[in-house]
Amino acid sequence: MKFYGNRDLMVVIREAHADAEWLTNETEWLNQILNRVEATPNLARSCEVLNLTRYKIEKKYDRVLKALNTKDLKPFVFIFNKN
């Protein structure tokens, strides 16, 4: 089995006749999709920063990207997914 980084995947299988090769292929496919979606530039497009100290919602890509790359957010600053 391949190493997928720091990720635990739980795959629920409906078919009883699924073999190990099929499961390996599905796990690799799922890992590739998640790597693309969870990349920082893609995540910045789908999030917004809510700043409760200034009562502002930041939707601009550059500001969201900056907030995602900071190690410690200021108090009462939150990152939310848009959907």
N, C-alpha and C. Protein backbone atom coordinates (compact mmCIF):
# COMPACT_ATOMS: atom_id res chain seq x y z
N MET A 1 0.84 -1.18 0.00
CA MET A 1 0.00 0.00 0.00
C MET A 1 0.88 1.24 0.00
N LYS A 2 0.49 2.25 -0.73
CA LYS A 2 1.27 3.47 -0.84
C LYS A 2 1.04 4.37 0.36
N PHE A 3 2.03 5.23 0.61
CA PHE A 3 1.92 6.20 1.69
C PHE A 3 1.28 7.46 1.13
N TYR A 4 0.23 7.95 1.76
CA TYR A 4 -0.52 9.10 1.28
C TYR A 4 -0.34 10.33 2.16
N GLY A 5 0.76 10.44 2.84
CA GLY A 5 0.97 11.60 3.70
C GLY A 5 0.23 11.44 5.01
N ASN A 6 -0.11 12.53 5.58
CA ASN A 6 -0.79 12.52 6.87
C ASN A 6 -2.30 12.55 6.65
N ARG A 7 -2.83 11.49 6.10
CA ARG A 7 -4.25 11.44 5.77
C ARG A 7 -4.78 10.04 6.06
N ASP A 8 -5.92 9.99 6.69
CA ASP A 8 -6.62 8.73 6.91
C ASP A 8 -7.83 8.72 5.98
N LEU A 9 -7.92 7.69 5.17
CA LEU A 9 -9.04 7.55 4.25
C LEU A 9 -9.89 6.35 4.65
N MET A 10 -11.18 6.56 4.72
CA MET A 10 -12.09 5.46 4.97
C MET A 10 -12.99 5.34 3.75
N VAL A 11 -12.91 4.22 3.09
CA VAL A 11 -13.66 3.98 1.87
C VAL A 11 -14.76 2.98 2.18
N VAL A 12 -16.00 3.37 1.96
CA VAL A 12 -17.14 2.49 2.18
C VAL A 12 -17.49 1.85 0.84
N ILE A 13 -17.52 0.53 0.82
CA ILE A 13 -17.73 -0.22 -0.41
C ILE A 13 -19.12 -0.84 -0.39
N ARG A 14 -19.87 -0.60 -1.43
CA ARG A 14 -21.21 -1.16 -1.53
C ARG A 14 -21.17 -2.56 -2.14
N GLU A 15 -20.26 -2.80 -3.05
CA GLU A 15 -20.17 -4.09 -3.72
C GLU A 15 -19.40 -5.09 -2.87
N ALA A 16 -19.89 -6.29 -2.79
CA ALA A 16 -19.23 -7.33 -2.01
C ALA A 16 -18.08 -7.98 -2.79
N HIS A 17 -18.05 -7.80 -4.09
CA HIS A 17 -17.04 -8.48 -4.91
C HIS A 17 -15.86 -7.57 -5.26
N ALA A 18 -15.64 -6.50 -4.53
CA ALA A 18 -14.51 -5.60 -4.81
C ALA A 18 -13.21 -6.26 -4.36
N ASP A 19 -12.20 -6.21 -5.23
CA ASP A 19 -10.92 -6.84 -4.90
C ASP A 19 -9.91 -5.78 -4.44
N ALA A 20 -8.74 -6.24 -4.05
CA ALA A 20 -7.72 -5.36 -3.49
C ALA A 20 -7.18 -4.39 -4.54
N GLU A 21 -7.08 -4.82 -5.79
CA GLU A 21 -6.59 -3.93 -6.86
C GLU A 21 -7.56 -2.78 -7.09
N TRP A 22 -8.85 -3.09 -7.10
CA TRP A 22 -9.86 -2.06 -7.27
C TRP A 22 -9.81 -1.05 -6.13
N LEU A 23 -9.66 -1.54 -4.92
CA LEU A 23 -9.59 -0.67 -3.75
C LEU A 23 -8.35 0.22 -3.80
N THR A 24 -7.23 -0.32 -4.25
CA THR A 24 -6.01 0.47 -4.38
C THR A 24 -6.18 1.57 -5.42
N ASN A 25 -6.79 1.24 -6.56
CA ASN A 25 -7.03 2.24 -7.59
C ASN A 25 -7.97 3.34 -7.11
N GLU A 26 -9.02 2.98 -6.42
CA GLU A 26 -9.97 3.97 -5.90
C GLU A 26 -9.31 4.87 -4.87
N THR A 27 -8.47 4.30 -4.01
CA THR A 27 -7.78 5.08 -2.99
C THR A 27 -6.79 6.06 -3.62
N GLU A 28 -6.06 5.63 -4.64
CA GLU A 28 -5.14 6.53 -5.33
C GLU A 28 -5.90 7.65 -6.04
N TRP A 29 -7.01 7.33 -6.67
CA TRP A 29 -7.83 8.32 -7.35
C TRP A 29 -8.39 9.35 -6.37
N LEU A 30 -8.88 8.87 -5.24
CA LEU A 30 -9.41 9.76 -4.21
C LEU A 30 -8.32 10.66 -3.63
N ASN A 31 -7.14 10.12 -3.44
CA ASN A 31 -6.02 10.91 -2.92
C ASN A 31 -5.61 12.00 -3.91
N GLN A 32 -5.61 11.70 -5.20
CA GLN A 32 -5.27 12.71 -6.22
C GLN A 32 -6.28 13.84 -6.23
N ILE A 33 -7.54 13.52 -6.14
CA ILE A 33 -8.58 14.55 -6.11
C ILE A 33 -8.44 15.42 -4.87
N LEU A 34 -8.23 14.81 -3.72
CA LEU A 34 -8.11 15.58 -2.48
C LEU A 34 -6.87 16.46 -2.48
N ASN A 35 -5.78 16.00 -3.06
CA ASN A 35 -4.57 16.82 -3.15
C ASN A 35 -4.82 18.07 -3.98
N ARG A 36 -5.56 17.94 -5.07
CA ARG A 36 -5.87 19.10 -5.90
C ARG A 36 -6.80 20.08 -5.20
N VAL A 37 -7.81 19.56 -4.54
CA VAL A 37 -8.80 20.41 -3.88
C VAL A 37 -8.20 21.11 -2.67
N GLU A 38 -7.37 20.41 -1.92
CA GLU A 38 -6.82 20.97 -0.69
C GLU A 38 -5.58 21.83 -0.90
N ALA A 39 -5.15 22.03 -2.14
CA ALA A 39 -4.02 22.90 -2.40
C ALA A 39 -4.39 24.33 -1.97
N THR A 40 -3.42 25.06 -1.44
CA THR A 40 -3.68 26.38 -0.88
C THR A 40 -4.33 27.34 -1.87
N PRO A 41 -3.88 27.44 -3.13
CA PRO A 41 -4.56 28.37 -4.05
C PRO A 41 -6.03 28.02 -4.29
N ASN A 42 -6.35 26.74 -4.39
CA ASN A 42 -7.74 26.34 -4.57
C ASN A 42 -8.55 26.58 -3.31
N LEU A 43 -7.94 26.35 -2.17
CA LEU A 43 -8.63 26.57 -0.90
C LEU A 43 -8.91 28.06 -0.69
N ALA A 44 -8.00 28.92 -1.13
CA ALA A 44 -8.19 30.36 -0.99
C ALA A 44 -9.36 30.86 -1.84
N ARG A 45 -9.62 30.20 -2.95
CA ARG A 45 -10.76 30.60 -3.79
C ARG A 45 -12.09 30.21 -3.17
N SER A 46 -12.09 29.20 -2.34
CA SER A 46 -13.35 28.71 -1.79
C SER A 46 -13.59 29.13 -0.34
N CYS A 47 -12.74 29.99 0.19
CA CYS A 47 -12.90 30.44 1.57
C CYS A 47 -13.01 31.95 1.65
N GLU A 48 -13.43 32.42 2.81
CA GLU A 48 -13.43 33.84 3.12
C GLU A 48 -13.01 34.02 4.57
N VAL A 49 -12.50 35.19 4.88
CA VAL A 49 -11.99 35.47 6.22
C VAL A 49 -12.99 36.39 6.92
N LEU A 50 -13.43 35.97 8.07
CA LEU A 50 -14.37 36.74 8.87
C LEU A 50 -13.61 37.37 10.03
N ASN A 51 -13.54 38.68 10.05
CA ASN A 51 -12.84 39.42 11.09
C ASN A 51 -13.88 40.09 11.99
N LEU A 52 -14.07 39.57 13.17
CA LEU A 52 -15.09 40.09 14.07
C LEU A 52 -14.64 41.34 14.82
N THR A 53 -13.34 41.60 14.88
CA THR A 53 -12.90 42.82 15.55
C THR A 53 -13.16 44.05 14.68
N ARG A 54 -13.14 43.88 13.36
CA ARG A 54 -13.40 45.00 12.44
C ARG A 54 -14.77 44.87 11.75
N TYR A 55 -15.48 43.81 12.05
CA TYR A 55 -16.78 43.53 11.43
C TYR A 55 -16.67 43.54 9.90
N LYS A 56 -15.67 42.80 9.39
CA LYS A 56 -15.43 42.74 7.96
C LYS A 56 -15.37 41.29 7.50
N ILE A 57 -15.77 41.09 6.27
CA ILE A 57 -15.62 39.80 5.61
C ILE A 57 -14.70 40.02 4.42
N GLU A 58 -13.55 39.37 4.44
CA GLU A 58 -12.58 39.49 3.35
C GLU A 58 -12.85 38.39 2.33
N LYS A 59 -13.11 38.78 1.09
CA LYS A 59 -13.37 37.81 0.04
C LYS A 59 -12.30 37.84 -1.04
N LYS A 60 -11.39 38.80 -0.98
CA LYS A 60 -10.35 38.92 -1.99
C LYS A 60 -9.35 37.78 -1.86
N TYR A 61 -8.98 37.25 -3.01
CA TYR A 61 -8.10 36.08 -3.06
C TYR A 61 -6.79 36.32 -2.32
N ASP A 62 -6.15 37.46 -2.53
CA ASP A 62 -4.85 37.73 -1.92
C ASP A 62 -4.93 37.77 -0.39
N ARG A 63 -5.97 38.37 0.12
CA ARG A 63 -6.12 38.48 1.58
C ARG A 63 -6.47 37.15 2.22
N VAL A 64 -7.27 36.37 1.53
CA VAL A 64 -7.60 35.03 2.04
C VAL A 64 -6.36 34.15 2.02
N LEU A 65 -5.58 34.23 0.94
CA LEU A 65 -4.35 33.46 0.84
C LEU A 65 -3.36 33.84 1.94
N LYS A 66 -3.26 35.12 2.23
CA LYS A 66 -2.38 35.59 3.31
C LYS A 66 -2.84 35.04 4.66
N ALA A 67 -4.14 35.01 4.89
CA ALA A 67 -4.67 34.48 6.15
C ALA A 67 -4.44 32.98 6.25
N LEU A 68 -4.54 32.27 5.13
CA LEU A 68 -4.30 30.83 5.15
C LEU A 68 -2.84 30.50 5.42
N ASN A 69 -1.94 31.36 4.99
CA ASN A 69 -0.51 31.10 5.15
C ASN A 69 0.05 31.55 6.49
N THR A 70 -0.71 32.29 7.28
CA THR A 70 -0.21 32.70 8.60
C THR A 70 -0.36 31.55 9.57
N LYS A 71 0.62 31.42 10.44
CA LYS A 71 0.59 30.33 11.43
C LYS A 71 -0.45 30.61 12.51
N ASP A 72 -0.47 31.83 13.03
CA ASP A 72 -1.39 32.19 14.10
C ASP A 72 -2.28 33.33 13.65
N LEU A 73 -3.57 33.08 13.60
CA LEU A 73 -4.51 34.14 13.28
C LEU A 73 -4.73 35.00 14.52
N LYS A 74 -5.08 36.24 14.28
CA LYS A 74 -5.39 37.14 15.39
C LYS A 74 -6.68 36.66 16.06
N PRO A 75 -6.90 37.07 17.30
CA PRO A 75 -8.14 36.67 17.97
C PRO A 75 -9.38 37.19 17.22
N PHE A 76 -10.39 36.38 17.17
CA PHE A 76 -11.67 36.68 16.54
C PHE A 76 -11.54 36.88 15.03
N VAL A 77 -10.59 36.21 14.41
CA VAL A 77 -10.46 36.16 12.95
C VAL A 77 -10.62 34.70 12.56
N PHE A 78 -11.59 34.42 11.71
CA PHE A 78 -11.93 33.05 11.37
C PHE A 78 -11.91 32.87 9.86
N ILE A 79 -11.59 31.65 9.43
CA ILE A 79 -11.61 31.29 8.02
C ILE A 79 -12.79 30.35 7.82
N PHE A 80 -13.69 30.73 6.91
CA PHE A 80 -14.88 29.96 6.63
C PHE A 80 -14.91 29.53 5.17
N ASN A 81 -15.46 28.37 4.93
CA ASN A 81 -15.70 27.92 3.57
C ASN A 81 -16.98 28.57 3.08
N LYS A 82 -17.02 28.98 1.83
CA LYS A 82 -18.17 29.72 1.29
C LYS A 82 -19.43 28.87 1.16
N ASN A 83 -19.28 27.58 0.99
CA ASN A 83 -20.50 26.79 0.80
C ASN A 83 -20.98 26.19 2.06
